[in-house]
């Protein structure tokens, strides 16, 4: 069993409009945009990162907004909901706030004894705000108090049909089974970061398979401290039979990827070097930062990329 993985690092999804996506995460949810860059493999598409003040691992939601992309299809084999931590007692205030912004499918419930606010993002993305005791410092956007602001990720919900293979994989990655409620089992990393929970829902084998497009999670990333720990994880996964990519430099972290038995794309990302490697903390997310291999495209990209409206 691995001990290097500390919980979530980031979650990356697809969107249909960069400006709507930016307005939702910075204006509605009150996260900070910590990086404005482009998709390494499709540089005419943004890669936007939202999180706390510095984009700490376990707080960062990222997006590839493909202009005009059709909605994805919900189903098995995907991360169907991403959950953020909010202070205990703040759920009703969030219901009122999200209601004012007319978000979709707004509801309130409880899971594993924790109050949740459920809602959809602009492309039908599934989200929840989970009341919990969390001492992480929030980013305080206009209109959000410290008693209400998001602390970072709480957990991610996976819907699978693989009859336990994903649970076995999570166990190998260092997650322990915590509890089961209905068809959903919660796994946590003991001693991990504050975003150390994964909820796995077992769906019937006859369930419709998810199809990725706008509103879909593209991949989910797990945090390791550094490149040495990442190489240890890679070697262990290869020895277990997983097909794992070589280490890829993503400028703000190093990444490896592999596909789970349930069909979900997992990434293992380093906590180093961080989002302040190419701009100071006070100005994170303001300038368009390009990977070195795409710097020669700057003039064209600055003309073509959709203005974010900020």
C-alpha atoms as a PDB file:
ATOM      1  CA  UNK A   1       0.000   0.000   0.000  1.00  0.00           C
ATOM      2  CA  UNK A   2       1.236   3.474  -0.920  1.00  0.00           C
ATOM      3  CA  UNK A   3       1.818   6.173   1.688  1.00  0.00           C
ATOM      4  CA  UNK A   4       2.921   9.020  -0.586  1.00  0.00           C
ATOM      5  CA  UNK A   5      -0.541  10.236  -1.686  1.00  0.00           C
ATOM      6  CA  UNK A   6      -1.973  12.958   0.571  1.00  0.00           C
ATOM      7  CA  UNK A   7      -5.447  13.569  -0.883  1.00  0.00           C
ATOM      8  CA  UNK A   8      -6.709  15.687  -3.760  1.00  0.00           C
ATOM      9  CA  UNK A   9      -4.447  18.056  -5.653  1.00  0.00           C
ATOM     10  CA  UNK A  10      -6.846  19.456  -8.262  1.00  0.00           C
ATOM     11  CA  UNK A  11      -9.875  18.554 -10.363  1.00  0.00           C
ATOM     12  CA  UNK A  12      -9.977  19.447 -14.063  1.00  0.00           C
ATOM     13  CA  UNK A  13     -13.217  19.808 -16.031  1.00  0.00           C
ATOM     14  CA  UNK A  14     -14.528  20.953 -19.405  1.00  0.00           C
ATOM     15  CA  UNK A  15     -16.626  24.049 -20.102  1.00  0.00           C
ATOM     16  CA  UNK A  16     -18.304  25.779 -23.043  1.00  0.00           C
ATOM     17  CA  UNK A  17     -17.504  29.433 -22.261  1.00  0.00           C
ATOM     18  CA  UNK A  18     -14.404  30.881 -20.624  1.00  0.00           C
ATOM     19  CA  UNK A  19     -16.111  34.103 -19.528  1.00  0.00           C
ATOM     20  CA  UNK A  20     -19.113  32.327 -17.973  1.00  0.00           C
ATOM     21  CA  UNK A  21     -16.818  29.859 -16.255  1.00  0.00           C
ATOM     22  CA  UNK A  22     -14.639  32.639 -14.864  1.00  0.00           C
ATOM     23  CA  UNK A  23     -17.666  34.623 -13.660  1.00  0.00           C
ATOM     24  CA  UNK A  24     -19.114  31.591 -11.902  1.00  0.00           C
ATOM     25  CA  UNK A  25     -16.020  30.562  -9.984  1.00  0.00           C
ATOM     26  CA  UNK A  26     -14.774  34.026  -9.087  1.00  0.00           C
ATOM     27  CA  UNK A  27     -18.091  35.869  -8.794  1.00  0.00           C
ATOM     28  CA  UNK A  28     -20.528  33.238  -7.514  1.00  0.00           C
ATOM     29  CA  UNK A  29     -18.318  30.824  -5.567  1.00  0.00           C
ATOM     30  CA  UNK A  30     -15.760  33.461  -4.631  1.00  0.00           C
ATOM     31  CA  UNK A  31     -12.604  31.541  -5.524  1.00  0.00           C
ATOM     32  CA  UNK A  32      -9.472  33.269  -6.746  1.00  0.00           C
ATOM     33  CA  UNK A  33      -8.320  32.775 -10.298  1.00  0.00           C
ATOM     34  CA  UNK A  34      -4.718  31.798  -9.645  1.00  0.00           C
ATOM     35  CA  UNK A  35      -3.584  31.094 -13.200  1.00  0.00           C
ATOM     36  CA  UNK A  36      -4.634  32.067 -16.715  1.00  0.00           C
ATOM     37  CA  UNK A  37      -2.809  29.882 -19.195  1.00  0.00           C
ATOM     38  CA  UNK A  38      -3.648  27.549 -22.101  1.00  0.00           C
ATOM     39  CA  UNK A  39      -4.147  23.855 -22.736  1.00  0.00           C
ATOM     40  CA  UNK A  40      -0.696  22.419 -23.477  1.00  0.00           C
ATOM     41  CA  UNK A  41      -2.166  20.175 -26.183  1.00  0.00           C
ATOM     42  CA  UNK A  42      -4.635  22.711 -27.648  1.00  0.00           C
ATOM     43  CA  UNK A  43      -3.181  26.195 -27.055  1.00  0.00           C
ATOM     44  CA  UNK A  44      -6.132  27.981 -28.611  1.00  0.00           C
ATOM     45  CA  UNK A  45      -8.120  26.889 -25.503  1.00  0.00           C
ATOM     46  CA  UNK A  46      -7.618  28.402 -22.066  1.00  0.00           C
ATOM     47  CA  UNK A  47      -6.591  26.452 -19.001  1.00  0.00           C
ATOM     48  CA  UNK A  48      -8.058  28.369 -16.038  1.00  0.00           C
ATOM     49  CA  UNK A  49      -7.237  27.592 -12.410  1.00  0.00           C
ATOM     50  CA  UNK A  50      -9.302  28.676  -9.379  1.00  0.00           C
ATOM     51  CA  UNK A  51      -8.459  28.160  -5.719  1.00  0.00           C
ATOM     52  CA  UNK A  52      -7.314  29.842  -2.537  1.00  0.00           C
ATOM     53  CA  UNK A  53      -4.857  32.744  -2.380  1.00  0.00           C
ATOM     54  CA  UNK A  54      -1.890  30.771  -3.739  1.00  0.00           C
ATOM     55  CA  UNK A  55      -3.605  27.780  -5.349  1.00  0.00           C
ATOM     56  CA  UNK A  56      -2.718  25.373  -2.561  1.00  0.00           C
ATOM     57  CA  UNK A  57      -2.960  21.665  -3.418  1.00  0.00           C
ATOM     58  CA  UNK A  58      -6.415  20.469  -2.438  1.00  0.00           C
ATOM     59  CA  UNK A  59      -8.140  23.757  -3.344  1.00  0.00           C
ATOM     60  CA  UNK A  60      -7.778  24.104  -7.121  1.00  0.00           C
ATOM     61  CA  UNK A  61     -10.564  23.592  -9.672  1.00  0.00           C
ATOM     62  CA  UNK A  62      -9.287  23.887 -13.240  1.00  0.00           C
ATOM     63  CA  UNK A  63     -11.076  24.156 -16.582  1.00  0.00           C
ATOM     64  CA  UNK A  64     -10.548  23.718 -20.292  1.00  0.00           C
ATOM     65  CA  UNK A  65     -13.293  25.933 -21.798  1.00  0.00           C
ATOM     66  CA  UNK A  66     -13.880  24.799 -25.388  1.00  0.00           C
ATOM     67  CA  UNK A  67     -16.073  27.520 -26.947  1.00  0.00           C
ATOM     68  CA  UNK A  68     -19.565  26.247 -27.739  1.00  0.00           C
ATOM     69  CA  UNK A  69     -18.927  22.692 -26.544  1.00  0.00           C
ATOM     70  CA  UNK A  70     -22.075  20.562 -26.251  1.00  0.00           C
ATOM     71  CA  UNK A  71     -23.117  19.311 -22.791  1.00  0.00           C
ATOM     72  CA  UNK A  72     -21.585  16.077 -21.577  1.00  0.00           C
ATOM     73  CA  UNK A  73     -23.742  13.089 -20.674  1.00  0.00           C
ATOM     74  CA  UNK A  74     -23.901  12.093 -17.019  1.00  0.00           C
ATOM     75  CA  UNK A  75     -23.440   8.443 -16.175  1.00  0.00           C
ATOM     76  CA  UNK A  76     -21.134   5.766 -14.854  1.00  0.00           C
ATOM     77  CA  UNK A  77     -17.373   5.987 -15.183  1.00  0.00           C
ATOM     78  CA  UNK A  78     -16.956   9.608 -14.128  1.00  0.00           C
ATOM     79  CA  UNK A  79     -16.466  12.016 -11.258  1.00  0.00           C
ATOM     80  CA  UNK A  80     -20.064  13.204 -11.098  1.00  0.00           C
ATOM     81  CA  UNK A  81     -19.802  15.750  -8.292  1.00  0.00           C
ATOM     82  CA  UNK A  82     -16.996  17.838  -6.814  1.00  0.00           C
ATOM     83  CA  UNK A  83     -17.475  19.007  -3.230  1.00  0.00           C
ATOM     84  CA  UNK A  84     -15.997  22.032  -1.478  1.00  0.00           C
ATOM     85  CA  UNK A  85     -15.664  22.577   2.266  1.00  0.00           C
ATOM     86  CA  UNK A  86     -17.577  25.429   3.905  1.00  0.00           C
ATOM     87  CA  UNK A  87     -17.746  26.421   7.592  1.00  0.00           C
ATOM     88  CA  UNK A  88     -20.243  24.687   9.841  1.00  0.00           C
ATOM     89  CA  UNK A  89     -23.476  26.667   9.972  1.00  0.00           C
ATOM     90  CA  UNK A  90     -23.032  28.431   6.625  1.00  0.00           C
ATOM     91  CA  UNK A  91     -25.197  26.186   4.404  1.00  0.00           C
ATOM     92  CA  UNK A  92     -28.331  28.336   4.664  1.00  0.00           C
ATOM     93  CA  UNK A  93     -26.384  31.456   3.720  1.00  0.00           C
ATOM     94  CA  UNK A  94     -25.049  29.624   0.673  1.00  0.00           C
ATOM     95  CA  UNK A  95     -28.557  28.479  -0.296  1.00  0.00           C
ATOM     96  CA  UNK A  96     -29.652  32.114  -0.198  1.00  0.00           C
ATOM     97  CA  UNK A  97     -26.619  33.301  -2.176  1.00  0.00           C
ATOM     98  CA  UNK A  98     -26.830  30.610  -4.846  1.00  0.00           C
ATOM     99  CA  UNK A  99     -30.561  31.213  -5.135  1.00  0.00           C
ATOM    100  CA  UNK A 100     -29.903  34.870  -5.913  1.00  0.00           C
ATOM    101  CA  UNK A 101     -27.579  33.767  -8.714  1.00  0.00           C
ATOM    102  CA  UNK A 102     -30.257  31.343  -9.963  1.00  0.00           C
ATOM    103  CA  UNK A 103     -27.947  28.320 -10.095  1.00  0.00           C
ATOM    104  CA  UNK A 104     -29.424  25.069 -11.345  1.00  0.00           C
ATOM    105  CA  UNK A 105     -30.751  22.171  -9.242  1.00  0.00           C
ATOM    106  CA  UNK A 106     -30.202  23.913  -5.912  1.00  0.00           C
ATOM    107  CA  UNK A 107     -30.983  21.609  -2.982  1.00  0.00           C
ATOM    108  CA  UNK A 108     -29.891  20.802   0.543  1.00  0.00           C
ATOM    109  CA  UNK A 109     -29.318  17.366   2.070  1.00  0.00           C
ATOM    110  CA  UNK A 110     -27.035  15.392   4.380  1.00  0.00           C
ATOM    111  CA  UNK A 111     -24.456  12.676   3.697  1.00  0.00           C
ATOM    112  CA  UNK A 112     -22.439  10.840   6.346  1.00  0.00           C
ATOM    113  CA  UNK A 113     -23.853  13.241   8.917  1.00  0.00           C
ATOM    114  CA  UNK A 114     -22.661  16.378   7.127  1.00  0.00           C
ATOM    115  CA  UNK A 115     -24.998  19.046   5.734  1.00  0.00           C
ATOM    116  CA  UNK A 116     -24.544  19.657   2.010  1.00  0.00           C
ATOM    117  CA  UNK A 117     -25.725  22.273  -0.480  1.00  0.00           C
ATOM    118  CA  UNK A 118     -26.104  20.679  -3.934  1.00  0.00           C
ATOM    119  CA  UNK A 119     -26.146  22.660  -7.169  1.00  0.00           C
ATOM    120  CA  UNK A 120     -25.014  22.711 -10.789  1.00  0.00           C
ATOM    121  CA  UNK A 121     -22.459  24.870 -12.518  1.00  0.00           C
ATOM    122  CA  UNK A 122     -23.047  26.732 -15.812  1.00  0.00           C
ATOM    123  CA  UNK A 123     -22.595  23.568 -17.914  1.00  0.00           C
ATOM    124  CA  UNK A 124     -24.525  21.233 -15.624  1.00  0.00           C
ATOM    125  CA  UNK A 125     -21.441  20.366 -13.576  1.00  0.00           C
ATOM    126  CA  UNK A 126     -22.329  18.687 -10.279  1.00  0.00           C
ATOM    127  CA  UNK A 127     -21.121  20.480  -7.138  1.00  0.00           C
ATOM    128  CA  UNK A 128     -21.699  20.407  -3.392  1.00  0.00           C
ATOM    129  CA  UNK A 129     -20.729  22.618  -0.484  1.00  0.00           C
ATOM    130  CA  UNK A 130     -20.182  20.511   2.634  1.00  0.00           C
ATOM    131  CA  UNK A 131     -20.302  21.919   6.161  1.00  0.00           C
ATOM    132  CA  UNK A 132     -17.196  20.852   8.083  1.00  0.00           C
ATOM    133  CA  UNK A 133     -14.653  22.073  10.581  1.00  0.00           C
ATOM    134  CA  UNK A 134     -11.758  23.223   8.404  1.00  0.00           C
ATOM    135  CA  UNK A 135      -8.982  25.586   9.476  1.00  0.00           C
ATOM    136  CA  UNK A 136      -7.651  26.355   5.993  1.00  0.00           C
ATOM    137  CA  UNK A 137      -7.530  30.082   5.266  1.00  0.00           C
ATOM    138  CA  UNK A 138     -10.110  31.069   2.626  1.00  0.00           C
ATOM    139  CA  UNK A 139      -9.794  33.522  -0.232  1.00  0.00           C
ATOM    140  CA  UNK A 140     -12.138  36.372   0.719  1.00  0.00           C
ATOM    141  CA  UNK A 141     -13.830  37.629  -2.418  1.00  0.00           C
ATOM    142  CA  UNK A 142     -16.182  40.602  -2.406  1.00  0.00           C
ATOM    143  CA  UNK A 143     -19.423  39.776  -0.593  1.00  0.00           C
ATOM    144  CA  UNK A 144     -18.118  36.673   1.200  1.00  0.00           C
ATOM    145  CA  UNK A 145     -17.186  36.680   4.873  1.00  0.00           C
ATOM    146  CA  UNK A 146     -14.663  34.415   6.565  1.00  0.00           C
ATOM    147  CA  UNK A 147     -17.624  32.677   8.251  1.00  0.00           C
ATOM    148  CA  UNK A 148     -18.927  31.619   4.835  1.00  0.00           C
ATOM    149  CA  UNK A 149     -16.084  31.422   2.303  1.00  0.00           C
ATOM    150  CA  UNK A 150     -14.985  28.155   0.688  1.00  0.00           C
ATOM    151  CA  UNK A 151     -11.937  26.502   2.266  1.00  0.00           C
ATOM    152  CA  UNK A 152     -10.949  24.235  -0.621  1.00  0.00           C
ATOM    153  CA  UNK A 153     -12.028  20.770  -1.681  1.00  0.00           C
ATOM    154  CA  UNK A 154     -13.863  18.449   0.672  1.00  0.00           C
ATOM    155  CA  UNK A 155     -14.184  15.389  -1.577  1.00  0.00           C
ATOM    156  CA  UNK A 156     -15.066  14.059  -5.005  1.00  0.00           C
ATOM    157  CA  UNK A 157     -17.876  11.660  -5.946  1.00  0.00           C
ATOM    158  CA  UNK A 158     -17.156   8.832  -8.383  1.00  0.00           C
ATOM    159  CA  UNK A 159     -19.877   6.747 -10.015  1.00  0.00           C
ATOM    160  CA  UNK A 160     -18.597   3.368 -11.160  1.00  0.00           C
ATOM    161  CA  UNK A 161     -19.804  -0.104 -12.206  1.00  0.00           C
ATOM    162  CA  UNK A 162     -16.616  -2.092 -11.596  1.00  0.00           C
ATOM    163  CA  UNK A 163     -17.749  -4.142  -8.566  1.00  0.00           C
ATOM    164  CA  UNK A 164     -14.985  -3.157  -6.208  1.00  0.00           C
ATOM    165  CA  UNK A 165     -11.982  -2.652  -8.495  1.00  0.00           C
ATOM    166  CA  UNK A 166     -11.887   1.085  -7.847  1.00  0.00           C
ATOM    167  CA  UNK A 167     -12.157   0.483  -4.096  1.00  0.00           C
ATOM    168  CA  UNK A 168      -9.214  -1.908  -4.350  1.00  0.00           C
ATOM    169  CA  UNK A 169      -7.223   0.704  -6.256  1.00  0.00           C
ATOM    170  CA  UNK A 170      -8.001   3.411  -3.694  1.00  0.00           C
ATOM    171  CA  UNK A 171      -6.880   1.032  -0.956  1.00  0.00           C
ATOM    172  CA  UNK A 172      -3.609   0.499  -2.789  1.00  0.00           C
ATOM    173  CA  UNK A 173      -3.250   4.299  -3.051  1.00  0.00           C
ATOM    174  CA  UNK A 174      -3.472   4.618   0.733  1.00  0.00           C
ATOM    175  CA  UNK A 175      -7.190   5.285   1.216  1.00  0.00           C
ATOM    176  CA  UNK A 176      -9.080   3.584   4.057  1.00  0.00           C
ATOM    177  CA  UNK A 177     -12.783   2.736   3.955  1.00  0.00           C
ATOM    178  CA  UNK A 178     -14.523   5.038   6.439  1.00  0.00           C
ATOM    179  CA  UNK A 179     -18.266   4.376   6.112  1.00  0.00           C
ATOM    180  CA  UNK A 180     -21.050   3.280   3.764  1.00  0.00           C
ATOM    181  CA  UNK A 181     -24.404   4.995   3.269  1.00  0.00           C
ATOM    182  CA  UNK A 182     -26.724   3.330   0.771  1.00  0.00           C
ATOM    183  CA  UNK A 183     -24.773   2.614  -2.407  1.00  0.00           C
ATOM    184  CA  UNK A 184     -22.010   5.100  -1.519  1.00  0.00           C
ATOM    185  CA  UNK A 185     -18.790   4.330   0.353  1.00  0.00           C
ATOM    186  CA  UNK A 186     -16.458   7.000   1.699  1.00  0.00           C
ATOM    187  CA  UNK A 187     -12.689   6.528   1.627  1.00  0.00           C
ATOM    188  CA  UNK A 188     -10.161   8.793   3.346  1.00  0.00           C
ATOM    189  CA  UNK A 189      -6.379   9.143   3.513  1.00  0.00           C
ATOM    190  CA  UNK A 190      -5.337   9.021   7.184  1.00  0.00           C
ATOM    191  CA  UNK A 191      -3.021  11.923   7.908  1.00  0.00           C
ATOM    192  CA  UNK A 192      -3.612  13.427   4.475  1.00  0.00           C
ATOM    193  CA  UNK A 193      -4.416  16.998   3.537  1.00  0.00           C
ATOM    194  CA  UNK A 194      -7.810  18.563   4.218  1.00  0.00           C
ATOM    195  CA  UNK A 195      -9.144  17.301   0.867  1.00  0.00           C
ATOM    196  CA  UNK A 196      -8.667  13.649   1.773  1.00  0.00           C
ATOM    197  CA  UNK A 197     -12.066  12.068   1.012  1.00  0.00           C
ATOM    198  CA  UNK A 198     -13.409  10.173  -2.001  1.00  0.00           C
ATOM    199  CA  UNK A 199     -17.024   8.954  -2.207  1.00  0.00           C
ATOM    200  CA  UNK A 200     -17.586   5.979  -4.503  1.00  0.00           C
ATOM    201  CA  UNK A 201     -21.120   5.129  -5.628  1.00  0.00           C
ATOM    202  CA  UNK A 202     -21.664   1.645  -7.046  1.00  0.00           C
ATOM    203  CA  UNK A 203     -24.014   1.893 -10.031  1.00  0.00           C
ATOM    204  CA  UNK A 204     -25.754  -1.014 -11.775  1.00  0.00           C
ATOM    205  CA  UNK A 205     -23.808  -2.593 -14.639  1.00  0.00           C
ATOM    206  CA  UNK A 206     -26.653  -1.571 -16.942  1.00  0.00           C
ATOM    207  CA  UNK A 207     -26.054   2.129 -16.192  1.00  0.00           C
ATOM    208  CA  UNK A 208     -25.466   4.540 -19.062  1.00  0.00           C
ATOM    209  CA  UNK A 209     -21.815   5.373 -19.541  1.00  0.00           C
ATOM    210  CA  UNK A 210     -20.790   8.988 -19.137  1.00  0.00           C
ATOM    211  CA  UNK A 211     -19.689  10.910 -22.234  1.00  0.00           C
ATOM    212  CA  UNK A 212     -17.254  13.760 -21.690  1.00  0.00           C
ATOM    213  CA  UNK A 213     -17.947  17.284 -22.906  1.00  0.00           C
ATOM    214  CA  UNK A 214     -18.914  20.587 -21.282  1.00  0.00           C
ATOM    215  CA  UNK A 215     -19.737  20.051 -17.613  1.00  0.00           C
ATOM    216  CA  UNK A 216     -17.725  16.813 -17.345  1.00  0.00           C
ATOM    217  CA  UNK A 217     -14.726  16.204 -15.131  1.00  0.00           C
ATOM    218  CA  UNK A 218     -11.814  15.431 -17.440  1.00  0.00           C
ATOM    219  CA  UNK A 219      -9.550  14.033 -14.710  1.00  0.00           C
ATOM    220  CA  UNK A 220      -8.960  14.063 -10.974  1.00  0.00           C
ATOM    221  CA  UNK A 221      -5.497  14.657  -9.543  1.00  0.00           C
ATOM    222  CA  UNK A 222      -4.005  13.337  -6.307  1.00  0.00           C
ATOM    223  CA  UNK A 223      -1.246  15.135  -4.411  1.00  0.00           C
ATOM    224  CA  UNK A 224       2.276  13.984  -3.584  1.00  0.00           C
ATOM    225  CA  UNK A 225       4.910  16.162  -1.953  1.00  0.00           C
ATOM    226  CA  UNK A 226       7.561  16.107  -4.652  1.00  0.00           C
ATOM    227  CA  UNK A 227       8.991  14.395  -7.706  1.00  0.00           C
ATOM    228  CA  UNK A 228      10.782  11.708  -5.719  1.00  0.00           C
ATOM    229  CA  UNK A 229       7.528  10.574  -4.108  1.00  0.00           C
ATOM    230  CA  UNK A 230       5.817  10.746  -7.506  1.00  0.00           C
ATOM    231  CA  UNK A 231       8.387   8.410  -9.048  1.00  0.00           C
ATOM    232  CA  UNK A 232       7.829   5.960  -6.201  1.00  0.00           C
ATOM    233  CA  UNK A 233       4.088   6.004  -6.913  1.00  0.00           C
ATOM    234  CA  UNK A 234       4.678   5.569 -10.643  1.00  0.00           C
ATOM    235  CA  UNK A 235       6.935   2.569 -10.109  1.00  0.00           C
ATOM    236  CA  UNK A 236       4.434   0.934  -7.748  1.00  0.00           C
ATOM    237  CA  UNK A 237       1.559   1.447 -10.212  1.00  0.00           C
ATOM    238  CA  UNK A 238       3.603   0.017 -13.069  1.00  0.00           C
ATOM    239  CA  UNK A 239       4.517  -2.997 -10.948  1.00  0.00           C
ATOM    240  CA  UNK A 240       0.797  -3.526 -10.250  1.00  0.00           C
ATOM    241  CA  UNK A 241       0.001  -3.587 -13.969  1.00  0.00           C
ATOM    242  CA  UNK A 242      -1.300  -0.070 -14.612  1.00  0.00           C
ATOM    243  CA  UNK A 243      -0.284   1.746 -17.775  1.00  0.00           C
ATOM    244  CA  UNK A 244       1.165   5.017 -16.499  1.00  0.00           C
ATOM    245  CA  UNK A 245       2.437   7.922 -18.581  1.00  0.00           C
ATOM    246  CA  UNK A 246       5.965   9.250 -18.227  1.00  0.00           C
ATOM    247  CA  UNK A 247       6.335  12.277 -15.969  1.00  0.00           C
ATOM    248  CA  UNK A 248       5.045  15.409 -17.728  1.00  0.00           C
ATOM    249  CA  UNK A 249       6.091  18.951 -16.809  1.00  0.00           C
ATOM    250  CA  UNK A 250       2.953  21.080 -16.399  1.00  0.00           C
ATOM    251  CA  UNK A 251       4.927  24.197 -15.391  1.00  0.00           C
ATOM    252  CA  UNK A 252       3.237  24.475 -11.966  1.00  0.00           C
ATOM    253  CA  UNK A 253       3.495  20.777 -11.064  1.00  0.00           C
ATOM    254  CA  UNK A 254       4.738  17.514 -12.554  1.00  0.00           C
ATOM    255  CA  UNK A 255       2.090  14.981 -13.549  1.00  0.00           C
ATOM    256  CA  UNK A 256       1.592  11.314 -14.347  1.00  0.00           C
ATOM    257  CA  UNK A 257      -1.690   9.835 -15.602  1.00  0.00           C
ATOM    258  CA  UNK A 258      -3.378   6.433 -15.690  1.00  0.00           C
ATOM    259  CA  UNK A 259      -6.890   5.095 -16.341  1.00  0.00           C
ATOM    260  CA  UNK A 260      -8.775   3.337 -13.534  1.00  0.00           C
ATOM    261  CA  UNK A 261     -10.781   0.084 -13.888  1.00  0.00           C
ATOM    262  CA  UNK A 262     -13.936   2.206 -13.683  1.00  0.00           C
ATOM    263  CA  UNK A 263     -12.837   4.343 -16.631  1.00  0.00           C
ATOM    264  CA  UNK A 264     -11.862   7.507 -14.742  1.00  0.00           C
ATOM    265  CA  UNK A 265      -8.610   9.278 -15.594  1.00  0.00           C
ATOM    266  CA  UNK A 266      -6.408   9.659 -12.504  1.00  0.00           C
ATOM    267  CA  UNK A 267      -3.457  12.009 -12.233  1.00  0.00           C
ATOM    268  CA  UNK A 268      -0.773  12.109  -9.558  1.00  0.00           C
ATOM    269  CA  UNK A 269       0.604  15.659  -9.279  1.00  0.00           C
ATOM    270  CA  UNK A 270       3.420  17.159  -7.247  1.00  0.00           C
ATOM    271  CA  UNK A 271       2.895  19.954  -4.737  1.00  0.00           C
ATOM    272  CA  UNK A 272       5.975  21.634  -6.217  1.00  0.00           C
ATOM    273  CA  UNK A 273       6.813  24.113  -7.686  1.00  0.00           C
ATOM    274  CA  UNK A 274       3.457  25.941  -7.305  1.00  0.00           C
ATOM    275  CA  UNK A 275       1.621  28.734  -9.092  1.00  0.00           C
ATOM    276  CA  UNK A 276       3.924  31.529  -7.949  1.00  0.00           C
ATOM    277  CA  UNK A 277       6.866  30.280  -9.998  1.00  0.00           C
ATOM    278  CA  UNK A 278       6.212  32.827 -12.772  1.00  0.00           C
ATOM    279  CA  UNK A 279       4.235  35.634 -11.104  1.00  0.00           C
ATOM    280  CA  UNK A 280       4.101  37.039  -7.596  1.00  0.00           C
ATOM    281  CA  UNK A 281       1.279  36.169  -5.199  1.00  0.00           C
ATOM    282  CA  UNK A 282      -0.365  39.582  -5.429  1.00  0.00           C
ATOM    283  CA  UNK A 283      -0.862  39.233  -9.198  1.00  0.00           C
ATOM    284  CA  UNK A 284      -1.642  35.550  -9.618  1.00  0.00           C
ATOM    285  CA  UNK A 285      -4.022  34.802 -12.463  1.00  0.00           C
ATOM    286  CA  UNK A 286      -3.952  38.237 -14.048  1.00  0.00           C
ATOM    287  CA  UNK A 287      -1.561  37.898 -16.988  1.00  0.00           C
ATOM    288  CA  UNK A 288      -1.786  35.268 -19.717  1.00  0.00           C
ATOM    289  CA  UNK A 289       1.018  32.796 -18.981  1.00  0.00           C
ATOM    290  CA  UNK A 290       2.083  30.537 -21.844  1.00  0.00           C
ATOM    291  CA  UNK A 291       4.140  27.351 -21.788  1.00  0.00           C
ATOM    292  CA  UNK A 292       7.524  28.019 -23.390  1.00  0.00           C
ATOM    293  CA  UNK A 293       6.659  25.876 -26.411  1.00  0.00           C
ATOM    294  CA  UNK A 294       3.665  28.112 -27.167  1.00  0.00           C
ATOM    295  CA  UNK A 295       5.193  31.526 -26.400  1.00  0.00           C
ATOM    296  CA  UNK A 296       5.679  32.179 -30.116  1.00  0.00           C
ATOM    297  CA  UNK A 297       1.858  32.066 -30.476  1.00  0.00           C
ATOM    298  CA  UNK A 298       1.231  34.855 -27.947  1.00  0.00           C
ATOM    299  CA  UNK A 299       0.138  37.596 -30.343  1.00  0.00           C
ATOM    300  CA  UNK A 300      -2.371  35.351 -32.091  1.00  0.00           C
ATOM    301  CA  UNK A 301      -3.689  33.811 -28.883  1.00  0.00           C
ATOM    302  CA  UNK A 302      -4.193  37.182 -27.217  1.00  0.00           C
ATOM    303  CA  UNK A 303      -6.313  38.213 -30.205  1.00  0.00           C
ATOM    304  CA  UNK A 304      -8.310  34.989 -30.406  1.00  0.00           C
ATOM    305  CA  UNK A 305      -8.918  33.895 -26.807  1.00  0.00           C
ATOM    306  CA  UNK A 306     -12.252  35.004 -25.371  1.00  0.00           C
ATOM    307  CA  UNK A 307     -12.006  38.005 -23.020  1.00  0.00           C
ATOM    308  CA  UNK A 308     -12.761  36.887 -19.467  1.00  0.00           C
ATOM    309  CA  UNK A 309     -14.666  40.017 -18.528  1.00  0.00           C
ATOM    310  CA  UNK A 310     -12.590  40.977 -15.527  1.00  0.00           C
END
